[in-house]
């Protein structure tokens, strides 16, 4: 029985299931960390008030680690999403609502991933360096914290439409057979 299950895992359908599961888990990690940053970390760090040392220690120890997961979850989500589109039949009926919807989600996801690496990470490196500098006795640069917060808010507003499009694209055009995803062949 195990040999049959393992063989099924390496079939086209098994591979697609693994890719889709990995894509969804990476996306949950990515967007979950985004909401952690915006809904938990930013207000939580603001509550430190004048306790700059405690805040900077938290940035250095917690935020540094969370940003690592955030960046790589973005890339992993993107890569698994692209790999899903290589399946035979994925782009059939390229003018269908399903394809238009998933293409829009892919565009938003690509913009969001590029924003994570090209804008957010560049600003967050300054914030992390700022925290380490202050912990080492240097002067703070308060403007960088605000810039980084605003960049995360931008990606948050783009995340909602993409997270709605990706799961919903499977349901469009499958009225005759709701369990069929694409033509297999």
N, C-alpha and C. Protein backbone atom coordinates (compact mmCIF):
# COMPACT_ATOMS: atom_id res chain seq x y z
N UNK A 1 0.82 -1.20 0.00
CA UNK A 1 0.00 0.00 0.00
C UNK A 1 0.87 1.26 0.00
N UNK A 2 1.94 1.26 0.80
CA UNK A 2 2.82 2.41 0.84
C UNK A 2 3.51 2.66 -0.48
N UNK A 3 3.88 1.59 -1.17
CA UNK A 3 4.55 1.75 -2.46
C UNK A 3 3.61 2.40 -3.47
N UNK A 4 2.34 2.01 -3.44
CA UNK A 4 1.34 2.61 -4.34
C UNK A 4 1.15 4.08 -4.02
N UNK A 5 1.05 4.42 -2.74
CA UNK A 5 0.89 5.82 -2.34
C UNK A 5 2.10 6.65 -2.74
N UNK A 6 3.29 6.09 -2.55
CA UNK A 6 4.51 6.80 -2.92
C UNK A 6 4.59 7.00 -4.42
N UNK A 7 4.18 6.01 -5.20
CA UNK A 7 4.19 6.14 -6.66
C UNK A 7 3.22 7.23 -7.10
N UNK A 8 2.08 7.30 -6.43
CA UNK A 8 1.09 8.33 -6.75
C UNK A 8 1.60 9.73 -6.45
N UNK A 9 2.47 9.82 -5.47
CA UNK A 9 3.05 11.11 -5.11
C UNK A 9 3.92 11.66 -6.24
N UNK A 10 4.54 10.77 -6.99
CA UNK A 10 5.42 11.20 -8.08
C UNK A 10 4.72 11.26 -9.43
N UNK A 11 3.43 11.06 -9.43
CA UNK A 11 2.66 11.22 -10.66
C UNK A 11 2.45 12.71 -10.92
N UNK A 12 1.90 13.02 -12.07
CA UNK A 12 1.63 14.42 -12.41
C UNK A 12 0.68 15.05 -11.38
N UNK A 13 -0.34 14.32 -11.02
CA UNK A 13 -1.31 14.84 -10.05
C UNK A 13 -0.70 14.98 -8.65
N UNK A 14 0.14 13.99 -8.26
CA UNK A 14 0.80 14.06 -6.96
C UNK A 14 1.76 15.24 -6.89
N UNK A 15 2.51 15.45 -7.97
CA UNK A 15 3.45 16.57 -8.05
C UNK A 15 2.69 17.89 -7.94
N UNK A 16 1.57 17.99 -8.65
CA UNK A 16 0.74 19.20 -8.62
C UNK A 16 0.21 19.45 -7.21
N UNK A 17 -0.20 18.40 -6.52
CA UNK A 17 -0.70 18.54 -5.15
C UNK A 17 0.41 19.02 -4.22
N UNK A 18 1.61 18.45 -4.37
CA UNK A 18 2.74 18.90 -3.54
C UNK A 18 3.08 20.36 -3.81
N UNK A 19 3.13 20.76 -5.09
CA UNK A 19 3.43 22.14 -5.43
C UNK A 19 2.38 23.09 -4.88
N UNK A 20 1.11 22.73 -5.06
CA UNK A 20 0.02 23.59 -4.59
C UNK A 20 0.05 23.73 -3.07
N UNK A 21 0.29 22.62 -2.37
CA UNK A 21 0.36 22.65 -0.90
C UNK A 21 1.54 23.52 -0.44
N UNK A 22 2.69 23.34 -1.08
CA UNK A 22 3.87 24.15 -0.72
C UNK A 22 3.62 25.63 -1.01
N UNK A 23 2.98 25.91 -2.15
CA UNK A 23 2.66 27.29 -2.53
C UNK A 23 1.74 27.93 -1.49
N UNK A 24 0.72 27.21 -1.07
CA UNK A 24 -0.24 27.73 -0.10
C UNK A 24 0.42 27.91 1.27
N UNK A 25 1.21 26.94 1.71
CA UNK A 25 1.88 27.07 3.02
C UNK A 25 2.88 28.22 3.03
N UNK A 26 3.63 28.37 1.95
CA UNK A 26 4.57 29.50 1.87
C UNK A 26 3.81 30.82 1.85
N UNK A 27 2.69 30.86 1.12
CA UNK A 27 1.87 32.08 1.07
C UNK A 27 1.28 32.42 2.43
N UNK A 28 0.84 31.42 3.16
CA UNK A 28 0.31 31.64 4.51
C UNK A 28 1.41 32.21 5.41
N UNK A 29 2.61 31.65 5.29
CA UNK A 29 3.74 32.16 6.08
C UNK A 29 4.04 33.60 5.73
N UNK A 30 4.10 33.89 4.43
CA UNK A 30 4.43 35.23 3.95
C UNK A 30 3.40 36.25 4.41
N UNK A 31 2.14 36.00 4.13
CA UNK A 31 1.09 36.97 4.46
C UNK A 31 0.85 36.99 5.97
N UNK A 32 1.01 35.84 6.63
CA UNK A 32 0.88 35.81 8.08
C UNK A 32 1.92 36.68 8.76
N UNK A 33 3.15 36.63 8.28
CA UNK A 33 4.19 37.49 8.84
C UNK A 33 3.93 38.96 8.52
N UNK A 34 3.39 39.21 7.34
CA UNK A 34 3.03 40.59 6.99
C UNK A 34 2.03 41.15 8.00
N UNK A 35 1.00 40.35 8.30
CA UNK A 35 0.01 40.81 9.28
C UNK A 35 0.61 40.88 10.68
N UNK A 36 1.53 39.98 11.01
CA UNK A 36 2.23 40.09 12.29
C UNK A 36 2.95 41.44 12.38
N UNK A 37 3.68 41.79 11.33
CA UNK A 37 4.41 43.06 11.35
C UNK A 37 3.46 44.24 11.54
N UNK A 38 2.38 44.27 10.77
CA UNK A 38 1.48 45.43 10.77
C UNK A 38 0.52 45.47 11.96
N UNK A 39 0.04 44.32 12.41
CA UNK A 39 -0.98 44.31 13.46
C UNK A 39 -0.42 44.04 14.86
N UNK A 40 0.73 43.41 14.94
CA UNK A 40 1.29 43.05 16.25
C UNK A 40 2.58 43.82 16.53
N UNK A 41 3.55 43.69 15.62
CA UNK A 41 4.86 44.26 15.90
C UNK A 41 4.84 45.79 15.97
N UNK A 42 4.30 46.45 14.96
CA UNK A 42 4.34 47.92 14.93
C UNK A 42 3.65 48.51 16.16
N UNK A 43 2.39 48.11 16.47
CA UNK A 43 1.77 48.66 17.68
C UNK A 43 2.49 48.21 18.97
N UNK A 44 2.98 46.97 18.96
CA UNK A 44 3.69 46.47 20.14
C UNK A 44 4.97 47.23 20.40
N UNK A 45 5.73 47.49 19.35
CA UNK A 45 6.96 48.25 19.52
C UNK A 45 6.68 49.70 19.89
N UNK A 46 5.57 50.24 19.39
CA UNK A 46 5.20 51.61 19.76
C UNK A 46 4.88 51.70 21.25
N UNK A 47 4.37 50.59 21.82
CA UNK A 47 4.03 50.57 23.24
C UNK A 47 5.26 50.62 24.14
N UNK A 48 6.44 50.34 23.57
CA UNK A 48 7.66 50.46 24.36
C UNK A 48 7.91 51.90 24.79
N UNK A 49 7.37 52.85 24.01
CA UNK A 49 7.52 54.26 24.36
C UNK A 49 8.97 54.68 24.42
N UNK A 50 9.37 55.16 25.59
CA UNK A 50 10.73 55.67 25.76
C UNK A 50 11.75 54.57 26.06
N UNK A 51 11.29 53.34 26.09
CA UNK A 51 12.19 52.24 26.38
C UNK A 51 12.88 51.79 25.10
N UNK A 52 13.70 52.66 24.56
CA UNK A 52 14.34 52.42 23.26
C UNK A 52 15.24 51.19 23.29
N UNK A 53 15.89 50.95 24.41
CA UNK A 53 16.80 49.81 24.46
C UNK A 53 16.03 48.50 24.29
N UNK A 54 14.92 48.35 25.00
CA UNK A 54 14.11 47.13 24.89
C UNK A 54 13.58 46.97 23.46
N UNK A 55 13.14 48.05 22.86
CA UNK A 55 12.62 48.02 21.49
C UNK A 55 13.73 47.61 20.52
N UNK A 56 14.89 48.20 20.67
CA UNK A 56 16.00 47.87 19.78
C UNK A 56 16.49 46.44 19.95
N UNK A 57 16.43 45.93 21.16
CA UNK A 57 16.79 44.52 21.38
C UNK A 57 15.77 43.63 20.66
N UNK A 58 14.48 43.98 20.78
CA UNK A 58 13.44 43.20 20.10
C UNK A 58 13.63 43.26 18.58
N UNK A 59 13.94 44.43 18.05
CA UNK A 59 14.19 44.56 16.60
C UNK A 59 15.38 43.69 16.21
N UNK A 60 16.43 43.75 16.99
CA UNK A 60 17.64 43.00 16.66
C UNK A 60 17.43 41.50 16.76
N UNK A 61 16.68 41.04 17.74
CA UNK A 61 16.53 39.60 17.96
C UNK A 61 15.30 39.01 17.26
N UNK A 62 14.14 39.64 17.37
CA UNK A 62 12.89 39.08 16.84
C UNK A 62 12.66 39.50 15.39
N UNK A 63 12.74 40.79 15.13
CA UNK A 63 12.42 41.29 13.80
C UNK A 63 13.40 40.78 12.77
N UNK A 64 14.65 40.71 13.11
CA UNK A 64 15.66 40.20 12.16
C UNK A 64 15.29 38.80 11.70
N UNK A 65 14.90 37.95 12.63
CA UNK A 65 14.52 36.57 12.30
C UNK A 65 13.22 36.54 11.50
N UNK A 66 12.24 37.32 11.93
CA UNK A 66 10.95 37.34 11.23
C UNK A 66 11.11 37.85 9.80
N UNK A 67 11.97 38.84 9.60
CA UNK A 67 12.21 39.35 8.25
C UNK A 67 12.88 38.32 7.36
N UNK A 68 13.73 37.48 7.91
CA UNK A 68 14.34 36.42 7.12
C UNK A 68 13.25 35.49 6.59
N UNK A 69 12.35 35.06 7.49
CA UNK A 69 11.25 34.19 7.07
C UNK A 69 10.33 34.90 6.08
N UNK A 70 10.07 36.16 6.30
CA UNK A 70 9.21 36.97 5.43
C UNK A 70 9.77 37.02 4.01
N UNK A 71 11.05 37.34 3.88
CA UNK A 71 11.68 37.44 2.56
C UNK A 71 11.66 36.11 1.83
N UNK A 72 12.07 35.06 2.53
CA UNK A 72 12.17 33.77 1.85
C UNK A 72 10.82 33.13 1.62
N UNK A 73 9.82 33.43 2.43
CA UNK A 73 8.46 32.96 2.16
C UNK A 73 7.93 33.62 0.89
N UNK A 74 8.29 34.89 0.68
CA UNK A 74 7.88 35.59 -0.55
C UNK A 74 8.47 34.90 -1.78
N UNK A 75 9.74 34.60 -1.75
CA UNK A 75 10.40 33.95 -2.89
C UNK A 75 9.83 32.55 -3.11
N UNK A 76 9.68 31.80 -2.02
CA UNK A 76 9.17 30.43 -2.12
C UNK A 76 7.75 30.42 -2.68
N UNK A 77 6.91 31.31 -2.21
CA UNK A 77 5.54 31.41 -2.74
C UNK A 77 5.59 31.69 -4.24
N UNK A 78 6.42 32.63 -4.64
CA UNK A 78 6.55 33.01 -6.04
C UNK A 78 7.03 31.82 -6.89
N UNK A 79 8.08 31.16 -6.45
CA UNK A 79 8.66 30.05 -7.23
C UNK A 79 7.66 28.90 -7.36
N UNK A 80 7.03 28.51 -6.25
CA UNK A 80 6.04 27.43 -6.34
C UNK A 80 4.85 27.83 -7.21
N UNK A 81 4.47 29.09 -7.16
CA UNK A 81 3.38 29.56 -8.02
C UNK A 81 3.75 29.47 -9.49
N UNK A 82 4.96 29.86 -9.83
CA UNK A 82 5.42 29.76 -11.22
C UNK A 82 5.48 28.30 -11.65
N UNK A 83 5.99 27.43 -10.78
CA UNK A 83 6.06 26.00 -11.12
C UNK A 83 4.67 25.41 -11.36
N UNK A 84 3.68 25.89 -10.62
CA UNK A 84 2.31 25.40 -10.85
C UNK A 84 1.81 25.72 -12.25
N UNK A 85 2.27 26.82 -12.81
CA UNK A 85 1.79 27.21 -14.14
C UNK A 85 2.42 26.39 -15.26
N UNK A 86 3.41 25.57 -14.94
CA UNK A 86 4.06 24.77 -15.97
C UNK A 86 3.32 23.46 -16.23
N UNK A 87 2.31 23.17 -15.45
CA UNK A 87 1.58 21.93 -15.65
C UNK A 87 0.85 21.95 -16.99
N UNK A 88 0.86 20.81 -17.64
CA UNK A 88 0.20 20.69 -18.94
C UNK A 88 -1.27 21.06 -18.81
N UNK A 89 -1.71 21.93 -19.68
CA UNK A 89 -3.11 22.34 -19.70
C UNK A 89 -3.43 23.54 -18.84
N UNK A 90 -2.46 24.03 -18.08
CA UNK A 90 -2.74 25.15 -17.17
C UNK A 90 -3.20 26.38 -17.93
N UNK A 91 -2.58 26.67 -19.07
CA UNK A 91 -2.89 27.89 -19.80
C UNK A 91 -3.90 27.66 -20.93
N UNK A 92 -4.51 26.47 -21.02
CA UNK A 92 -5.56 26.25 -22.02
C UNK A 92 -6.71 27.23 -21.75
N UNK A 93 -7.40 27.60 -22.79
CA UNK A 93 -8.50 28.58 -22.67
C UNK A 93 -7.98 29.86 -22.04
N UNK A 94 -6.95 30.43 -22.65
CA UNK A 94 -6.27 31.58 -22.07
C UNK A 94 -7.14 32.82 -21.93
N UNK A 95 -8.31 32.83 -22.55
CA UNK A 95 -9.19 33.99 -22.40
C UNK A 95 -10.32 33.74 -21.41
N UNK A 96 -10.25 32.65 -20.68
CA UNK A 96 -11.31 32.34 -19.71
C UNK A 96 -11.16 33.23 -18.49
N UNK A 97 -12.23 33.36 -17.73
CA UNK A 97 -12.19 34.13 -16.50
C UNK A 97 -11.19 33.57 -15.51
N UNK A 98 -11.06 32.26 -15.51
CA UNK A 98 -10.13 31.58 -14.61
C UNK A 98 -8.70 32.03 -14.89
N UNK A 99 -8.32 32.04 -16.16
CA UNK A 99 -6.95 32.41 -16.53
C UNK A 99 -6.70 33.89 -16.29
N UNK A 100 -7.68 34.72 -16.57
CA UNK A 100 -7.54 36.16 -16.33
C UNK A 100 -7.37 36.42 -14.84
N UNK A 101 -8.17 35.74 -14.02
CA UNK A 101 -8.10 35.91 -12.57
C UNK A 101 -6.74 35.49 -12.02
N UNK A 102 -6.27 34.31 -12.42
CA UNK A 102 -4.99 33.84 -11.89
C UNK A 102 -3.84 34.69 -12.42
N UNK A 103 -3.96 35.19 -13.66
CA UNK A 103 -2.92 36.07 -14.20
C UNK A 103 -2.84 37.37 -13.40
N UNK A 104 -3.99 37.91 -13.01
CA UNK A 104 -4.00 39.11 -12.16
C UNK A 104 -3.38 38.84 -10.81
N UNK A 105 -3.69 37.68 -10.24
CA UNK A 105 -3.09 37.31 -8.95
C UNK A 105 -1.58 37.14 -9.08
N UNK A 106 -1.15 36.56 -10.20
CA UNK A 106 0.29 36.39 -10.43
C UNK A 106 0.99 37.74 -10.56
N UNK A 107 0.35 38.67 -11.24
CA UNK A 107 0.93 40.00 -11.38
C UNK A 107 1.05 40.68 -10.02
N UNK A 108 -0.02 40.63 -9.23
CA UNK A 108 0.04 41.21 -7.88
C UNK A 108 1.10 40.52 -7.02
N UNK A 109 1.14 39.19 -7.08
CA UNK A 109 2.13 38.46 -6.30
C UNK A 109 3.56 38.79 -6.70
N UNK A 110 3.78 38.95 -8.00
CA UNK A 110 5.12 39.32 -8.48
C UNK A 110 5.50 40.72 -7.99
N UNK A 111 4.57 41.66 -8.08
CA UNK A 111 4.83 43.02 -7.60
C UNK A 111 5.12 43.00 -6.10
N UNK A 112 4.33 42.23 -5.36
CA UNK A 112 4.52 42.15 -3.91
C UNK A 112 5.88 41.54 -3.56
N UNK A 113 6.26 40.46 -4.26
CA UNK A 113 7.55 39.82 -3.99
C UNK A 113 8.70 40.77 -4.32
N UNK A 114 8.59 41.48 -5.44
CA UNK A 114 9.64 42.45 -5.80
C UNK A 114 9.68 43.60 -4.79
N UNK A 115 8.52 43.98 -4.27
CA UNK A 115 8.46 45.02 -3.24
C UNK A 115 9.15 44.56 -1.95
N UNK A 116 8.94 43.29 -1.59
CA UNK A 116 9.59 42.74 -0.39
C UNK A 116 11.10 42.83 -0.52
N UNK A 117 11.63 42.40 -1.66
CA UNK A 117 13.09 42.35 -1.82
C UNK A 117 13.69 43.69 -2.23
N UNK A 118 12.99 44.45 -3.07
CA UNK A 118 13.56 45.67 -3.60
C UNK A 118 13.33 46.91 -2.76
N UNK A 119 12.25 46.93 -2.00
CA UNK A 119 11.91 48.13 -1.23
C UNK A 119 11.93 47.84 0.27
N UNK A 120 11.09 46.90 0.71
CA UNK A 120 10.98 46.64 2.15
C UNK A 120 12.31 46.19 2.73
N UNK A 121 12.95 45.21 2.09
CA UNK A 121 14.19 44.69 2.65
C UNK A 121 15.28 45.75 2.67
N UNK A 122 15.35 46.55 1.61
CA UNK A 122 16.36 47.62 1.58
C UNK A 122 16.15 48.58 2.75
N UNK A 123 14.91 48.96 3.03
CA UNK A 123 14.63 49.85 4.16
C UNK A 123 14.81 49.15 5.50
N UNK A 124 14.42 47.89 5.57
CA UNK A 124 14.53 47.17 6.83
C UNK A 124 15.99 46.92 7.21
N UNK A 125 16.87 46.77 6.23
CA UNK A 125 18.29 46.64 6.55
C UNK A 125 18.78 47.89 7.28
N UNK A 126 18.28 49.04 6.89
CA UNK A 126 18.64 50.29 7.56
C UNK A 126 18.07 50.31 8.98
N UNK A 127 16.82 49.85 9.13
CA UNK A 127 16.19 49.81 10.46
C UNK A 127 16.97 48.86 11.38
N UNK A 128 17.33 47.69 10.85
CA UNK A 128 18.10 46.73 11.65
C UNK A 128 19.47 47.28 12.02
N UNK A 129 20.12 47.91 11.06
CA UNK A 129 21.43 48.53 11.33
C UNK A 129 21.28 49.67 12.34
N UNK A 130 20.18 50.42 12.23
CA UNK A 130 19.90 51.52 13.16
C UNK A 130 19.75 50.98 14.59
N UNK A 131 19.00 49.88 14.73
CA UNK A 131 18.82 49.28 16.06
C UNK A 131 20.15 48.79 16.62
N UNK A 132 20.94 48.13 15.78
CA UNK A 132 22.25 47.65 16.24
C UNK A 132 23.16 48.82 16.59
N UNK A 133 23.08 49.89 15.81
CA UNK A 133 23.89 51.09 16.07
C UNK A 133 23.52 51.70 17.42
N UNK A 134 22.23 51.83 17.69
CA UNK A 134 21.77 52.41 18.95
C UNK A 134 22.18 51.51 20.12
N UNK A 135 22.04 50.20 19.94
CA UNK A 135 22.45 49.27 21.01
C UNK A 135 23.95 49.38 21.28
N UNK A 136 24.71 49.73 20.23
CA UNK A 136 26.14 49.91 20.38
C UNK A 136 26.55 51.28 20.87
N UNK A 137 25.55 52.16 21.15
CA UNK A 137 25.86 53.49 21.68
C UNK A 137 25.79 54.60 20.67
N UNK A 138 25.38 54.31 19.42
CA UNK A 138 25.30 55.35 18.38
C UNK A 138 23.98 56.12 18.43
N UNK A 139 23.80 57.01 17.46
CA UNK A 139 22.59 57.84 17.36
C UNK A 139 21.52 57.14 16.52
N UNK A 140 20.25 57.36 16.87
CA UNK A 140 19.11 56.78 16.15
C UNK A 140 18.76 57.61 14.92
N UNK A 141 18.15 56.95 13.92
CA UNK A 141 17.65 57.60 12.72
C UNK A 141 16.14 57.31 12.66
N UNK A 142 15.27 58.10 13.29
CA UNK A 142 13.85 57.79 13.42
C UNK A 142 13.08 57.78 12.09
N UNK A 143 13.54 58.50 11.09
CA UNK A 143 12.82 58.56 9.82
C UNK A 143 12.75 57.19 9.14
N UNK A 144 13.75 56.37 9.27
CA UNK A 144 13.79 55.07 8.60
C UNK A 144 12.69 54.13 9.11
N UNK A 145 12.36 54.18 10.39
CA UNK A 145 11.30 53.33 10.92
C UNK A 145 9.97 53.64 10.25
N UNK A 146 9.68 54.90 10.05
CA UNK A 146 8.41 55.32 9.42
C UNK A 146 8.35 54.89 7.96
N UNK A 147 9.43 55.04 7.24
CA UNK A 147 9.47 54.63 5.83
C UNK A 147 9.20 53.13 5.71
N UNK A 148 9.84 52.33 6.53
CA UNK A 148 9.67 50.89 6.47
C UNK A 148 8.23 50.50 6.80
N UNK A 149 7.62 51.15 7.77
CA UNK A 149 6.23 50.86 8.13
C UNK A 149 5.30 51.17 6.97
N UNK A 150 5.50 52.27 6.30
CA UNK A 150 4.65 52.64 5.16
C UNK A 150 4.80 51.65 4.02
N UNK A 151 5.99 51.15 3.77
CA UNK A 151 6.21 50.17 2.70
C UNK A 151 5.48 48.87 3.01
N UNK A 152 5.50 48.43 4.27
CA UNK A 152 4.78 47.21 4.64
C UNK A 152 3.28 47.40 4.45
N UNK A 153 2.76 48.58 4.76
CA UNK A 153 1.32 48.86 4.57
C UNK A 153 0.94 48.74 3.10
N UNK A 154 1.83 49.19 2.21
CA UNK A 154 1.56 49.10 0.77
C UNK A 154 1.39 47.66 0.35
N UNK A 155 2.28 46.78 0.79
CA UNK A 155 2.17 45.38 0.40
C UNK A 155 0.94 44.74 1.03
N UNK A 156 0.56 45.19 2.22
CA UNK A 156 -0.64 44.65 2.86
C UNK A 156 -1.87 44.93 2.01
N UNK A 157 -1.97 46.10 1.44
CA UNK A 157 -3.13 46.45 0.62
C UNK A 157 -3.15 45.67 -0.70
N UNK A 158 -2.00 45.24 -1.18
CA UNK A 158 -1.96 44.43 -2.40
C UNK A 158 -2.20 42.96 -2.10
N UNK A 159 -1.96 42.55 -0.87
CA UNK A 159 -2.06 41.13 -0.53
C UNK A 159 -3.49 40.62 -0.56
N UNK A 160 -4.44 41.40 -0.11
CA UNK A 160 -5.81 40.91 -0.02
C UNK A 160 -6.37 40.46 -1.36
N UNK A 161 -6.27 41.27 -2.43
CA UNK A 161 -6.82 40.79 -3.71
C UNK A 161 -6.13 39.52 -4.20
N UNK A 162 -4.83 39.41 -4.03
CA UNK A 162 -4.12 38.22 -4.49
C UNK A 162 -4.55 36.99 -3.71
N UNK A 163 -4.76 37.12 -2.41
CA UNK A 163 -5.16 35.96 -1.62
C UNK A 163 -6.59 35.54 -1.92
N UNK A 164 -7.39 36.42 -2.50
CA UNK A 164 -8.74 36.06 -2.92
C UNK A 164 -8.74 35.39 -4.29
N UNK A 165 -7.86 35.83 -5.18
CA UNK A 165 -7.81 35.30 -6.55
C UNK A 165 -7.27 33.89 -6.61
N UNK A 166 -6.22 33.60 -5.89
CA UNK A 166 -5.55 32.32 -6.03
C UNK A 166 -6.47 31.15 -5.68
N UNK A 167 -7.13 31.12 -4.52
CA UNK A 167 -7.99 29.96 -4.25
C UNK A 167 -9.24 29.93 -5.13
N UNK A 168 -9.73 31.08 -5.55
CA UNK A 168 -10.98 31.14 -6.30
C UNK A 168 -10.83 30.75 -7.76
N UNK A 169 -9.63 30.84 -8.32
CA UNK A 169 -9.48 30.57 -9.75
C UNK A 169 -9.88 29.15 -10.11
N UNK A 170 -9.77 28.21 -9.18
CA UNK A 170 -10.11 26.81 -9.45
C UNK A 170 -11.61 26.63 -9.66
N UNK A 171 -12.40 27.51 -9.09
CA UNK A 171 -13.85 27.33 -9.14
C UNK A 171 -14.50 27.92 -10.38
N UNK A 172 -13.79 28.72 -11.13
CA UNK A 172 -14.36 29.37 -12.30
C UNK A 172 -14.33 28.41 -13.47
N UNK A 173 -15.45 28.25 -14.13
CA UNK A 173 -15.51 27.43 -15.34
C UNK A 173 -15.56 25.95 -15.10
N UNK A 174 -15.70 25.50 -13.88
CA UNK A 174 -15.76 24.07 -13.59
C UNK A 174 -17.13 23.66 -13.10
N UNK A 175 -18.19 24.25 -13.65
CA UNK A 175 -19.54 23.96 -13.19
C UNK A 175 -19.92 22.50 -13.45
N UNK A 176 -19.49 21.93 -14.60
CA UNK A 176 -19.83 20.54 -14.90
C UNK A 176 -19.11 19.57 -13.97
N UNK A 177 -17.88 19.86 -13.64
CA UNK A 177 -17.09 18.99 -12.78
C UNK A 177 -16.28 19.86 -11.83
N UNK A 178 -16.83 20.19 -10.66
CA UNK A 178 -16.14 21.11 -9.75
C UNK A 178 -14.83 20.59 -9.20
N UNK A 179 -14.56 19.28 -9.34
CA UNK A 179 -13.32 18.74 -8.80
C UNK A 179 -12.20 18.72 -9.83
N UNK A 180 -12.52 19.01 -11.10
CA UNK A 180 -11.51 19.02 -12.15
C UNK A 180 -10.80 20.37 -12.13
N UNK A 181 -9.48 20.33 -12.09
CA UNK A 181 -8.72 21.57 -12.09
C UNK A 181 -8.32 21.95 -13.51
N UNK A 182 -7.68 21.03 -14.23
CA UNK A 182 -7.31 21.28 -15.62
C UNK A 182 -7.45 19.97 -16.36
N UNK A 183 -7.31 20.05 -17.65
CA UNK A 183 -7.28 18.81 -18.46
C UNK A 183 -5.95 18.12 -18.20
N UNK A 184 -6.02 16.90 -17.87
CA UNK A 184 -4.79 16.12 -17.68
C UNK A 184 -4.55 15.32 -18.96
N UNK A 185 -3.30 15.17 -19.28
CA UNK A 185 -3.08 14.39 -20.49
C UNK A 185 -1.69 13.94 -20.65
